[in-house]
Amino acid sequence: MRFKDVFSIIGPSMIGPSSSHTAGAVRLGRTARQALGTAPFEADIHLYGSFADTYRGHGTDLALVAGLLDFDTDDARIRNALVVATEAGVTVRFHPERPPVAHPNTATIALRRGEEGIRVTGRSIGGGNIEIVGIDRFDVKFTANYPTLLVFHGDRAGMIAEVTDVLMRAQVNISHMEVDRESRNGEALTVIECDQPIPSAELNRIGRLPNVSKVRVINLSETSSYADTEASPGGVDRQP
């Protein structure tokens, strides 16, 4: 990536020691939690590259779990994240892996809460910045620097137009969008990065569109306590 200023190098306000191994890891954990749409009961964290080699020494394990608890990068509780998670009844398992990956600071975070589950793959690319490269079986890419809408839906004609029409009517500007699908007319995931937070009313409207199964919002500028049922800012599930 191209660094635009000194803060892209030194990272955000954070609990150290490393913007890549701690601040970026916190953001990966928070993104996974918000993609699940609720606080997890179980987490299997697969670590690759330097994450796998140094996750204990650099505090990456603490940082990832802190993100799952929705702590921000400068939260002093990061140091005790494993204890807090245990006390909250969250089961966390780490799996250092050896296969080569495209980026050395890569993690796949599989979360579960009852029947709900999600698998998020991302990498910490420096300065506390992250890049998400996979959600479940879909290959997508986003940075989580902006409010990001995840729409899980069936692949059908007009689907994207209907989603973007809702955002347009709410005067929410789209900065980036991409779609991946299993197959023609199969399941799909649309990722939309926005310049403004998505109002809850529009989130609900998108969730009620035909063929939409669930909607999630990633917004790392907002935090919630672990006791909250829904990860900030929440999501919508289509009722059976």
Protein backbone atom coordinates (compact mmCIF):
# COMPACT_ATOMS: atom_id res chain seq x y z
CA MET A 1 0.00 0.00 0.00
CA ARG A 2 1.07 3.64 -0.46
CA PHE A 3 1.52 5.55 2.81
CA LYS A 4 -0.14 8.97 2.70
CA ASP A 5 1.13 10.39 5.98
CA VAL A 6 3.19 9.58 9.06
CA PHE A 7 0.14 8.13 10.84
CA SER A 8 -0.06 5.45 8.17
CA ILE A 9 3.34 4.30 9.39
CA ILE A 10 3.18 4.69 13.18
CA GLY A 11 -0.41 3.51 13.41
CA PRO A 12 -3.42 4.63 15.48
CA SER A 13 -3.67 5.34 19.19
CA MET A 14 -3.05 1.86 20.54
CA ILE A 15 -1.82 -0.53 23.16
CA GLY A 16 1.51 -1.84 21.76
CA PRO A 17 3.90 -3.25 20.93
CA SER A 18 3.18 -3.34 17.19
CA SER A 19 0.71 -1.59 14.92
CA SER A 20 0.64 -4.67 12.69
CA HIS A 21 0.56 -7.39 15.34
CA THR A 22 -1.68 -5.64 17.86
CA ALA A 23 -3.62 -2.66 16.46
CA GLY A 24 -4.28 -4.38 13.14
CA ALA A 25 -5.17 -7.60 14.94
CA VAL A 26 -7.71 -5.79 17.13
CA ARG A 27 -9.35 -4.40 14.00
CA LEU A 28 -9.45 -7.87 12.43
CA GLY A 29 -11.18 -9.26 15.51
CA ARG A 30 -13.69 -6.43 15.65
CA THR A 31 -14.49 -6.82 11.97
CA ALA A 32 -15.15 -10.53 12.44
CA ARG A 33 -17.40 -9.87 15.44
CA GLN A 34 -19.44 -7.28 13.55
CA ALA A 35 -19.67 -9.58 10.53
CA LEU A 36 -21.18 -12.21 12.82
CA GLY A 37 -23.66 -9.59 14.01
CA THR A 38 -23.48 -10.58 17.67
CA ALA A 39 -20.99 -11.43 20.40
CA PRO A 40 -19.51 -14.90 19.75
CA PHE A 41 -19.59 -17.87 22.10
CA GLU A 42 -16.83 -19.75 20.26
CA ALA A 43 -13.86 -18.66 18.17
CA ASP A 44 -11.35 -20.70 16.18
CA ILE A 45 -8.51 -18.45 15.04
CA HIS A 46 -6.16 -19.76 12.35
CA LEU A 47 -2.87 -17.86 12.16
CA TYR A 48 -0.50 -17.72 9.19
CA GLY A 49 2.99 -16.38 8.47
CA SER A 50 4.48 -14.16 11.16
CA PHE A 51 1.18 -14.20 13.03
CA ALA A 52 1.66 -17.94 13.52
CA ASP A 53 5.30 -17.56 14.52
CA THR A 54 5.05 -14.70 17.02
CA TYR A 55 1.42 -14.36 18.09
CA ARG A 56 2.16 -14.95 21.79
CA GLY A 57 5.28 -12.81 21.98
CA HIS A 58 3.77 -9.86 20.13
CA GLY A 59 0.41 -10.02 21.87
CA THR A 60 -1.49 -10.85 18.69
CA ASP A 61 -3.55 -13.42 20.58
CA LEU A 62 -4.61 -10.78 23.11
CA ALA A 63 -5.36 -8.28 20.36
CA LEU A 64 -7.49 -10.60 18.25
CA VAL A 65 -9.57 -11.65 21.25
CA ALA A 66 -9.86 -8.02 22.36
CA GLY A 67 -11.37 -7.28 18.97
CA LEU A 68 -13.87 -10.10 19.44
CA LEU A 69 -14.85 -8.39 22.70
CA ASP A 70 -15.28 -5.14 20.70
CA PHE A 71 -12.43 -3.35 22.49
CA ASP A 72 -10.81 -0.54 20.50
CA THR A 73 -7.08 -0.38 19.70
CA ASP A 74 -6.26 1.86 22.71
CA ASP A 75 -8.36 0.00 25.30
CA ALA A 76 -6.26 -0.86 28.36
CA ARG A 77 -8.27 -4.08 28.78
CA ILE A 78 -6.48 -5.58 25.75
CA ARG A 79 -3.76 -6.86 28.10
CA ASN A 80 -6.35 -8.97 29.93
CA ALA A 81 -8.48 -9.92 26.93
CA LEU A 82 -8.01 -13.68 27.32
CA VAL A 83 -9.09 -13.51 30.96
CA VAL A 84 -12.08 -11.30 30.12
CA ALA A 85 -13.13 -13.70 27.35
CA THR A 86 -12.90 -16.70 29.68
CA GLU A 87 -14.93 -14.92 32.35
CA ALA A 88 -17.55 -14.08 29.71
CA GLY A 89 -17.81 -17.76 28.74
CA VAL A 90 -16.17 -17.39 25.32
CA THR A 91 -14.18 -20.40 24.13
CA VAL A 92 -11.17 -19.39 22.02
CA ARG A 93 -8.84 -21.80 20.20
CA PHE A 94 -5.70 -20.74 18.31
CA HIS A 95 -4.41 -22.76 15.36
CA PRO A 96 -0.94 -21.78 14.06
CA GLU A 97 -0.80 -22.90 10.43
CA ARG A 98 2.15 -23.40 8.09
CA PRO A 99 0.86 -23.17 4.50
CA PRO A 100 2.26 -20.17 2.57
CA VAL A 101 -0.02 -17.15 2.29
CA ALA A 102 0.03 -13.99 0.21
CA HIS A 103 0.67 -11.77 3.26
CA PRO A 104 2.62 -12.75 6.41
CA ASN A 105 0.15 -11.21 8.90
CA THR A 106 -2.93 -13.23 7.98
CA ALA A 107 -5.68 -14.72 10.14
CA THR A 108 -8.88 -16.62 9.50
CA ILE A 109 -11.39 -16.13 12.31
CA ALA A 110 -14.29 -18.59 12.55
CA LEU A 111 -16.98 -17.47 14.99
CA ARG A 112 -20.08 -19.16 16.30
CA ARG A 113 -23.00 -18.30 18.52
CA GLY A 114 -25.64 -21.00 18.54
CA GLU A 115 -26.79 -21.63 14.98
CA GLU A 116 -25.14 -18.46 13.71
CA GLY A 117 -21.59 -18.59 12.37
CA ILE A 118 -19.18 -16.80 10.06
CA ARG A 119 -15.63 -17.16 8.79
CA VAL A 120 -13.56 -14.03 8.09
CA THR A 121 -10.09 -13.98 6.52
CA GLY A 122 -8.03 -10.81 6.72
CA ARG A 123 -4.52 -9.46 6.99
CA SER A 124 -2.83 -6.68 8.91
CA ILE A 125 -0.97 -4.62 6.33
CA GLY A 126 0.83 -2.04 8.47
CA GLY A 127 0.08 1.07 10.47
CA GLY A 128 -2.94 -0.58 12.07
CA ASN A 129 -4.58 -0.96 8.67
CA ILE A 130 -6.27 -4.18 7.62
CA GLU A 131 -7.61 -5.78 4.48
CA ILE A 132 -10.42 -8.32 4.56
CA VAL A 133 -10.06 -10.82 1.71
CA GLY A 134 -12.72 -13.43 2.46
CA ILE A 135 -16.12 -13.80 4.13
CA ASP A 136 -17.27 -17.41 4.42
CA ARG A 137 -16.92 -18.91 0.93
CA PHE A 138 -16.85 -15.54 -0.84
CA ASP A 139 -13.73 -13.80 -2.12
CA VAL A 140 -14.19 -10.11 -1.37
CA LYS A 141 -11.88 -7.26 -0.45
CA PHE A 142 -12.44 -4.24 1.79
CA THR A 143 -10.48 -2.22 4.34
CA ALA A 144 -13.05 -1.56 7.11
CA ASN A 145 -11.87 2.07 7.09
CA TYR A 146 -15.39 3.14 6.15
CA PRO A 147 -18.89 2.02 7.17
CA THR A 148 -19.25 -1.19 5.17
CA LEU A 149 -22.44 -3.00 4.27
CA LEU A 150 -22.44 -6.80 3.83
CA VAL A 151 -25.54 -8.06 2.03
CA PHE A 152 -25.94 -11.84 1.78
CA HIS A 153 -28.47 -12.63 -0.92
CA GLY A 154 -29.52 -14.81 -3.79
CA ASP A 155 -28.11 -13.91 -7.20
CA ARG A 156 -30.99 -12.42 -9.20
CA ALA A 157 -31.54 -9.67 -11.74
CA GLY A 158 -32.03 -6.22 -10.21
CA MET A 159 -30.75 -7.16 -6.75
CA ILE A 160 -27.84 -4.70 -6.70
CA ALA A 161 -29.97 -1.91 -8.17
CA GLU A 162 -32.53 -2.31 -5.39
CA VAL A 163 -29.87 -2.16 -2.66
CA THR A 164 -28.16 0.89 -4.12
CA ASP A 165 -31.53 2.61 -4.64
CA VAL A 166 -32.21 2.35 -0.89
CA LEU A 167 -28.82 3.94 -0.17
CA MET A 168 -29.34 6.65 -2.79
CA ARG A 169 -32.68 7.66 -1.29
CA ALA A 170 -30.99 7.95 2.11
CA GLN A 171 -28.23 10.09 0.52
CA VAL A 172 -25.57 7.55 1.49
CA ASN A 173 -22.70 7.80 -0.97
CA ILE A 174 -21.00 4.59 -2.15
CA SER A 175 -17.20 4.73 -2.28
CA HIS A 176 -16.53 1.13 -3.33
CA MET A 177 -18.59 -1.96 -4.16
CA GLU A 178 -17.95 -5.53 -5.23
CA VAL A 179 -19.90 -8.77 -5.55
CA ASP A 180 -18.93 -12.42 -5.39
CA ARG A 181 -21.28 -15.34 -6.01
CA GLU A 182 -21.14 -19.11 -5.72
CA SER A 183 -22.68 -19.62 -9.13
CA ARG A 184 -25.22 -18.10 -11.50
CA ASN A 185 -28.52 -17.84 -9.58
CA GLY A 186 -26.73 -19.14 -6.47
CA GLU A 187 -25.83 -17.43 -3.20
CA ALA A 188 -23.95 -14.13 -3.37
CA LEU A 189 -22.35 -11.51 -1.15
CA THR A 190 -22.34 -7.81 -1.99
CA VAL A 191 -19.89 -5.56 -0.11
CA ILE A 192 -20.52 -1.81 -0.18
CA GLU A 193 -18.18 0.72 1.45
CA CYS A 194 -19.96 4.00 2.18
CA ASP A 195 -18.94 7.55 3.02
CA GLN A 196 -21.58 7.80 5.76
CA PRO A 197 -23.03 5.40 8.33
CA ILE A 198 -26.09 3.51 7.06
CA PRO A 199 -29.24 4.57 8.98
CA SER A 200 -31.01 1.70 10.74
CA ALA A 201 -34.23 2.30 8.80
CA GLU A 202 -32.41 1.76 5.50
CA LEU A 203 -30.63 -1.26 6.94
CA ASN A 204 -34.03 -2.77 7.71
CA ARG A 205 -35.35 -1.92 4.25
CA ILE A 206 -32.44 -3.72 2.62
CA GLY A 207 -32.97 -6.69 4.93
CA ARG A 208 -36.59 -6.97 3.73
CA LEU A 209 -35.72 -7.04 0.03
CA PRO A 210 -36.58 -10.30 -1.78
CA ASN A 211 -33.77 -12.89 -1.71
CA VAL A 212 -31.81 -11.09 1.03
CA SER A 213 -30.94 -13.56 3.80
CA LYS A 214 -29.01 -11.29 6.14
CA VAL A 215 -27.34 -7.91 6.35
CA ARG A 216 -24.35 -6.88 8.43
CA VAL A 217 -22.64 -3.53 8.95
CA ILE A 218 -18.95 -3.10 9.73
CA ASN A 219 -18.30 0.23 11.45
CA LEU A 220 -15.11 0.29 13.50
CA SER A 221 -15.70 3.88 14.58
CA GLU A 222 -18.39 2.61 16.95
CA THR A 223 -17.95 0.31 19.93
CA SER A 224 -20.25 -1.61 22.24
CA SER A 225 -19.75 -3.48 25.49
CA TYR A 226 -19.38 -7.23 25.35
CA ALA A 227 -22.69 -7.57 27.18
CA ASP A 228 -24.52 -6.13 24.18
CA THR A 229 -26.34 -8.83 22.24
CA GLU A 230 -25.75 -7.19 18.88
CA ALA A 231 -22.39 -5.99 17.67
CA SER A 232 -22.38 -2.28 16.98
CA PRO A 233 -24.04 -1.14 14.80
CA GLY A 234 -25.93 -4.39 14.26
CA GLY A 235 -27.53 -6.28 11.41
CA VAL A 236 -30.67 -7.84 10.04
CA ASP A 237 -31.58 -11.51 9.60
CA ARG A 238 -34.41 -12.64 7.36
CA GLN A 239 -36.93 -14.50 9.50
CA PRO A 240 -37.82 -18.04 8.29
